[in-house]
Amino acid sequence: MRTNNAKVKNIIVSVYFVLIVLALLSATIFRAFSDLTPNPFVTFLVIILSFSAIFFIVHSIAKYFEYDSDGLKVIVTNKGLLLSDHFNYREKTVEFFKDRLTGFKFKNYFFFKTLVLYIKDSRGYIVKEKFNVTLVTRKKRKYIRQSLTKMVKHNRKSDD
């Protein structure tokens, strides 16, 4: 099975655009925020910190996810949505044989969702790999869960 969340890239670009427009708009109507404090530097600092926090949250959530379980190996990839064609500074790829998967877990946090894979390495130790699946639709997460469950059940039967 092969799936990804490539359609969400346009939405994230739109969110970044809206954030930039809001930052510019708040900078131009800076005097409207002067009621918060008499000191304009504190008001400016509050505006900058709030937009920085929102930008950081969107940046940490906005990741491309790809899952490919066709063939003998499973390939799972996370990478940034913006500038990922030129810079791969946020890319994480794990490739493993299907019989090495020992378990998985979807975790839901307040702002994001993760997929945790438990993979047996060549020495027999179990390695935990985490992937951001926040922007993957519920339907696609369900298909990924079914595929991984099938692999784990097959591996447990073959271990007995």
C-alpha atoms as a PDB file:
ATOM      1  CA  MET A   1       0.000   0.000   0.000  1.00  0.00           C
ATOM      2  CA  ARG A   2       1.221   3.459  -0.861  1.00  0.00           C
ATOM      3  CA  THR A   3      -0.068   6.710   0.579  1.00  0.00           C
ATOM      4  CA  ASN A   4       1.051  10.279   1.303  1.00  0.00           C
ATOM      5  CA  ASN A   5      -0.314  13.694   2.235  1.00  0.00           C
ATOM      6  CA  ALA A   6       0.916  15.709  -0.762  1.00  0.00           C
ATOM      7  CA  LYS A   7      -2.428  17.514  -1.197  1.00  0.00           C
ATOM      8  CA  VAL A   8      -1.993  19.356   2.083  1.00  0.00           C
ATOM      9  CA  LYS A   9       1.011  21.371   0.832  1.00  0.00           C
ATOM     10  CA  ASN A  10      -1.201  24.089  -0.671  1.00  0.00           C
ATOM     11  CA  ILE A  11      -3.052  24.490   2.621  1.00  0.00           C
ATOM     12  CA  ILE A  12       0.187  24.950   4.563  1.00  0.00           C
ATOM     13  CA  VAL A  13       1.484  27.500   2.054  1.00  0.00           C
ATOM     14  CA  SER A  14      -1.806  29.370   2.496  1.00  0.00           C
ATOM     15  CA  VAL A  15      -1.431  29.288   6.290  1.00  0.00           C
ATOM     16  CA  TYR A  16       2.088  30.738   6.031  1.00  0.00           C
ATOM     17  CA  PHE A  17       0.791  33.433   3.690  1.00  0.00           C
ATOM     18  CA  VAL A  18      -2.012  34.345   6.099  1.00  0.00           C
ATOM     19  CA  LEU A  19       0.467  34.488   8.985  1.00  0.00           C
ATOM     20  CA  ILE A  20       2.737  36.846   7.053  1.00  0.00           C
ATOM     21  CA  VAL A  21      -0.200  39.048   6.052  1.00  0.00           C
ATOM     22  CA  LEU A  22      -1.409  39.175   9.664  1.00  0.00           C
ATOM     23  CA  ALA A  23       2.088  40.091  10.860  1.00  0.00           C
ATOM     24  CA  LEU A  24       2.297  42.916   8.329  1.00  0.00           C
ATOM     25  CA  LEU A  25      -1.214  44.064   9.161  1.00  0.00           C
ATOM     26  CA  SER A  26      -0.492  44.132  12.889  1.00  0.00           C
ATOM     27  CA  ALA A  27       2.738  46.031  12.240  1.00  0.00           C
ATOM     28  CA  THR A  28       0.857  48.693  10.270  1.00  0.00           C
ATOM     29  CA  ILE A  29      -1.865  49.113  12.871  1.00  0.00           C
ATOM     30  CA  PHE A  30       0.627  49.066  15.704  1.00  0.00           C
ATOM     31  CA  ARG A  31      -1.062  52.008  17.387  1.00  0.00           C
ATOM     32  CA  ALA A  32      -4.225  49.986  17.914  1.00  0.00           C
ATOM     33  CA  PHE A  33      -2.289  47.744  20.288  1.00  0.00           C
ATOM     34  CA  SER A  34      -1.032  50.656  22.359  1.00  0.00           C
ATOM     35  CA  ASP A  35      -3.898  50.112  24.813  1.00  0.00           C
ATOM     36  CA  LEU A  36      -2.164  46.986  26.134  1.00  0.00           C
ATOM     37  CA  THR A  37       0.743  48.870  27.673  1.00  0.00           C
ATOM     38  CA  PRO A  38       1.969  52.456  27.557  1.00  0.00           C
ATOM     39  CA  ASN A  39       5.403  51.217  26.430  1.00  0.00           C
ATOM     40  CA  PRO A  40       5.428  50.587  22.635  1.00  0.00           C
ATOM     41  CA  PHE A  41       8.447  48.280  22.899  1.00  0.00           C
ATOM     42  CA  VAL A  42       6.544  45.856  25.172  1.00  0.00           C
ATOM     43  CA  THR A  43       3.572  45.897  22.784  1.00  0.00           C
ATOM     44  CA  PHE A  44       5.868  45.205  19.834  1.00  0.00           C
ATOM     45  CA  LEU A  45       7.544  42.379  21.768  1.00  0.00           C
ATOM     46  CA  VAL A  46       4.175  40.771  22.614  1.00  0.00           C
ATOM     47  CA  ILE A  47       3.105  40.870  18.957  1.00  0.00           C
ATOM     48  CA  ILE A  48       6.417  39.423  17.725  1.00  0.00           C
ATOM     49  CA  LEU A  49       6.438  36.650  20.341  1.00  0.00           C
ATOM     50  CA  SER A  50       2.840  35.616  19.635  1.00  0.00           C
ATOM     51  CA  PHE A  51       3.421  35.440  15.861  1.00  0.00           C
ATOM     52  CA  SER A  52       6.704  33.590  16.409  1.00  0.00           C
ATOM     53  CA  ALA A  53       4.947  31.008  18.589  1.00  0.00           C
ATOM     54  CA  ILE A  54       2.189  30.466  16.006  1.00  0.00           C
ATOM     55  CA  PHE A  55       4.759  30.248  13.202  1.00  0.00           C
ATOM     56  CA  PHE A  56       6.841  27.713  15.162  1.00  0.00           C
ATOM     57  CA  ILE A  57       3.788  25.541  15.887  1.00  0.00           C
ATOM     58  CA  VAL A  58       2.777  25.522  12.210  1.00  0.00           C
ATOM     59  CA  HIS A  59       6.373  24.816  11.171  1.00  0.00           C
ATOM     60  CA  SER A  60       6.690  21.834  13.518  1.00  0.00           C
ATOM     61  CA  ILE A  61       3.344  20.364  12.471  1.00  0.00           C
ATOM     62  CA  ALA A  62       3.713  20.924   8.730  1.00  0.00           C
ATOM     63  CA  LYS A  63       5.445  17.781   7.498  1.00  0.00           C
ATOM     64  CA  TYR A  64       5.067  15.669   4.421  1.00  0.00           C
ATOM     65  CA  PHE A  65       4.431  11.988   5.190  1.00  0.00           C
ATOM     66  CA  GLU A  66       4.814   9.053   2.833  1.00  0.00           C
ATOM     67  CA  TYR A  67       4.160   5.378   3.561  1.00  0.00           C
ATOM     68  CA  ASP A  68       5.019   2.592   1.112  1.00  0.00           C
ATOM     69  CA  SER A  69       4.582  -1.069   2.026  1.00  0.00           C
ATOM     70  CA  ASP A  70       4.696  -2.516  -1.494  1.00  0.00           C
ATOM     71  CA  GLY A  71       7.308  -5.231  -1.897  1.00  0.00           C
ATOM     72  CA  LEU A  72       9.497  -6.799   0.774  1.00  0.00           C
ATOM     73  CA  LYS A  73      10.373  -3.544   2.514  1.00  0.00           C
ATOM     74  CA  VAL A  74       8.410  -0.790   4.186  1.00  0.00           C
ATOM     75  CA  ILE A  75       9.537   2.779   3.544  1.00  0.00           C
ATOM     76  CA  VAL A  76       8.306   5.580   5.806  1.00  0.00           C
ATOM     77  CA  THR A  77       9.343   9.179   5.129  1.00  0.00           C
ATOM     78  CA  ASN A  78       8.823  12.492   6.928  1.00  0.00           C
ATOM     79  CA  LYS A  79      10.125  15.762   5.524  1.00  0.00           C
ATOM     80  CA  GLY A  80       9.335  19.440   5.645  1.00  0.00           C
ATOM     81  CA  LEU A  81       6.750  20.846   3.260  1.00  0.00           C
ATOM     82  CA  LEU A  82       8.429  24.140   2.435  1.00  0.00           C
ATOM     83  CA  LEU A  83      11.829  24.241   0.760  1.00  0.00           C
ATOM     84  CA  SER A  84      12.050  20.432   0.923  1.00  0.00           C
ATOM     85  CA  ASP A  85      12.834  20.270  -2.802  1.00  0.00           C
ATOM     86  CA  HIS A  86      16.079  22.195  -2.265  1.00  0.00           C
ATOM     87  CA  PHE A  87      17.022  21.496   1.355  1.00  0.00           C
ATOM     88  CA  ASN A  88      16.465  18.144   3.089  1.00  0.00           C
ATOM     89  CA  TYR A  89      17.265  19.381   6.581  1.00  0.00           C
ATOM     90  CA  ARG A  90      14.047  17.937   8.068  1.00  0.00           C
ATOM     91  CA  GLU A  91      13.925  14.648   6.192  1.00  0.00           C
ATOM     92  CA  LYS A  92      13.713  11.355   8.059  1.00  0.00           C
ATOM     93  CA  THR A  93      13.405   8.072   6.180  1.00  0.00           C
ATOM     94  CA  VAL A  94      13.244   4.570   7.617  1.00  0.00           C
ATOM     95  CA  GLU A  95      13.411   1.510   5.403  1.00  0.00           C
ATOM     96  CA  PHE A  96      13.016  -1.951   6.913  1.00  0.00           C
ATOM     97  CA  PHE A  97      11.931  -5.454   5.998  1.00  0.00           C
ATOM     98  CA  LYS A  98       8.349  -6.297   6.917  1.00  0.00           C
ATOM     99  CA  ASP A  99       9.396  -9.167   9.173  1.00  0.00           C
ATOM    100  CA  ARG A 100      11.384  -6.730  11.382  1.00  0.00           C
ATOM    101  CA  LEU A 101       8.283  -4.817  12.565  1.00  0.00           C
ATOM    102  CA  THR A 102       7.385  -5.802  16.129  1.00  0.00           C
ATOM    103  CA  GLY A 103       4.729  -3.194  16.881  1.00  0.00           C
ATOM    104  CA  PHE A 104       3.388   0.291  16.292  1.00  0.00           C
ATOM    105  CA  LYS A 105       1.352   2.937  18.049  1.00  0.00           C
ATOM    106  CA  PHE A 106      -0.502   6.072  16.988  1.00  0.00           C
ATOM    107  CA  LYS A 107      -0.253   8.798  19.630  1.00  0.00           C
ATOM    108  CA  ASN A 108      -2.522  11.843  19.734  1.00  0.00           C
ATOM    109  CA  TYR A 109      -1.175  14.973  21.407  1.00  0.00           C
ATOM    110  CA  PHE A 110      -2.789  18.387  21.647  1.00  0.00           C
ATOM    111  CA  PHE A 111      -1.304  19.881  18.479  1.00  0.00           C
ATOM    112  CA  PHE A 112      -0.009  16.879  16.584  1.00  0.00           C
ATOM    113  CA  LYS A 113      -0.215  13.141  16.030  1.00  0.00           C
ATOM    114  CA  THR A 114       2.674  10.712  15.793  1.00  0.00           C
ATOM    115  CA  LEU A 115       3.229   7.215  14.521  1.00  0.00           C
ATOM    116  CA  VAL A 116       5.707   5.203  16.567  1.00  0.00           C
ATOM    117  CA  LEU A 117       7.186   2.117  14.915  1.00  0.00           C
ATOM    118  CA  TYR A 118       9.001  -0.569  16.914  1.00  0.00           C
ATOM    119  CA  ILE A 119      11.539  -2.229  14.618  1.00  0.00           C
ATOM    120  CA  LYS A 120      13.959  -5.038  15.383  1.00  0.00           C
ATOM    121  CA  ASP A 121      17.479  -4.194  14.225  1.00  0.00           C
ATOM    122  CA  SER A 122      20.140  -6.635  13.025  1.00  0.00           C
ATOM    123  CA  ARG A 123      21.409  -7.284  16.589  1.00  0.00           C
ATOM    124  CA  GLY A 124      17.924  -8.132  17.874  1.00  0.00           C
ATOM    125  CA  TYR A 125      17.351  -4.860  19.747  1.00  0.00           C
ATOM    126  CA  ILE A 126      14.078  -3.017  19.280  1.00  0.00           C
ATOM    127  CA  VAL A 127      14.447   0.507  17.912  1.00  0.00           C
ATOM    128  CA  LYS A 128      11.698   3.108  18.296  1.00  0.00           C
ATOM    129  CA  GLU A 129      11.124   5.393  15.283  1.00  0.00           C
ATOM    130  CA  LYS A 130       8.718   8.358  15.474  1.00  0.00           C
ATOM    131  CA  PHE A 131       6.957  10.051  12.560  1.00  0.00           C
ATOM    132  CA  ASN A 132       4.701  13.088  12.421  1.00  0.00           C
ATOM    133  CA  VAL A 133       1.306  12.131  10.920  1.00  0.00           C
ATOM    134  CA  THR A 134      -0.652  15.229  11.933  1.00  0.00           C
ATOM    135  CA  LEU A 135      -1.604  16.248   8.412  1.00  0.00           C
ATOM    136  CA  VAL A 136      -2.467  12.717   7.261  1.00  0.00           C
ATOM    137  CA  THR A 137      -6.221  12.283   6.946  1.00  0.00           C
ATOM    138  CA  ARG A 138      -8.081   9.965   9.289  1.00  0.00           C
ATOM    139  CA  LYS A 139      -8.966   7.639   6.413  1.00  0.00           C
ATOM    140  CA  LYS A 140      -5.317   7.260   5.372  1.00  0.00           C
ATOM    141  CA  ARG A 141      -4.246   6.685   8.980  1.00  0.00           C
ATOM    142  CA  LYS A 142      -6.840   3.926   9.141  1.00  0.00           C
ATOM    143  CA  TYR A 143      -5.351   2.267   6.040  1.00  0.00           C
ATOM    144  CA  ILE A 144      -1.841   2.570   7.476  1.00  0.00           C
ATOM    145  CA  ARG A 145      -3.064   1.046  10.753  1.00  0.00           C
ATOM    146  CA  GLN A 146      -4.629  -1.891   8.865  1.00  0.00           C
ATOM    147  CA  SER A 147      -1.440  -2.497   6.893  1.00  0.00           C
ATOM    148  CA  LEU A 148       0.783  -2.364   9.971  1.00  0.00           C
ATOM    149  CA  THR A 149      -1.585  -4.580  11.986  1.00  0.00           C
ATOM    150  CA  LYS A 150      -1.486  -7.183   9.236  1.00  0.00           C
ATOM    151  CA  MET A 151       2.341  -7.152   9.286  1.00  0.00           C
ATOM    152  CA  VAL A 152       2.528  -7.426  13.086  1.00  0.00           C
ATOM    153  CA  LYS A 153       0.053 -10.347  13.146  1.00  0.00           C
ATOM    154  CA  HIS A 154       2.001 -12.136  10.413  1.00  0.00           C
ATOM    155  CA  ASN A 155       5.262 -11.616  12.301  1.00  0.00           C
ATOM    156  CA  ARG A 156       3.783 -12.936  15.556  1.00  0.00           C
ATOM    157  CA  LYS A 157       2.490 -16.066  13.789  1.00  0.00           C
ATOM    158  CA  SER A 158       5.873 -16.712  12.196  1.00  0.00           C
ATOM    159  CA  ASP A 159       7.648 -16.322  15.579  1.00  0.00           C
ATOM    160  CA  ASP A 160       5.523 -19.083  17.166  1.00  0.00           C
END
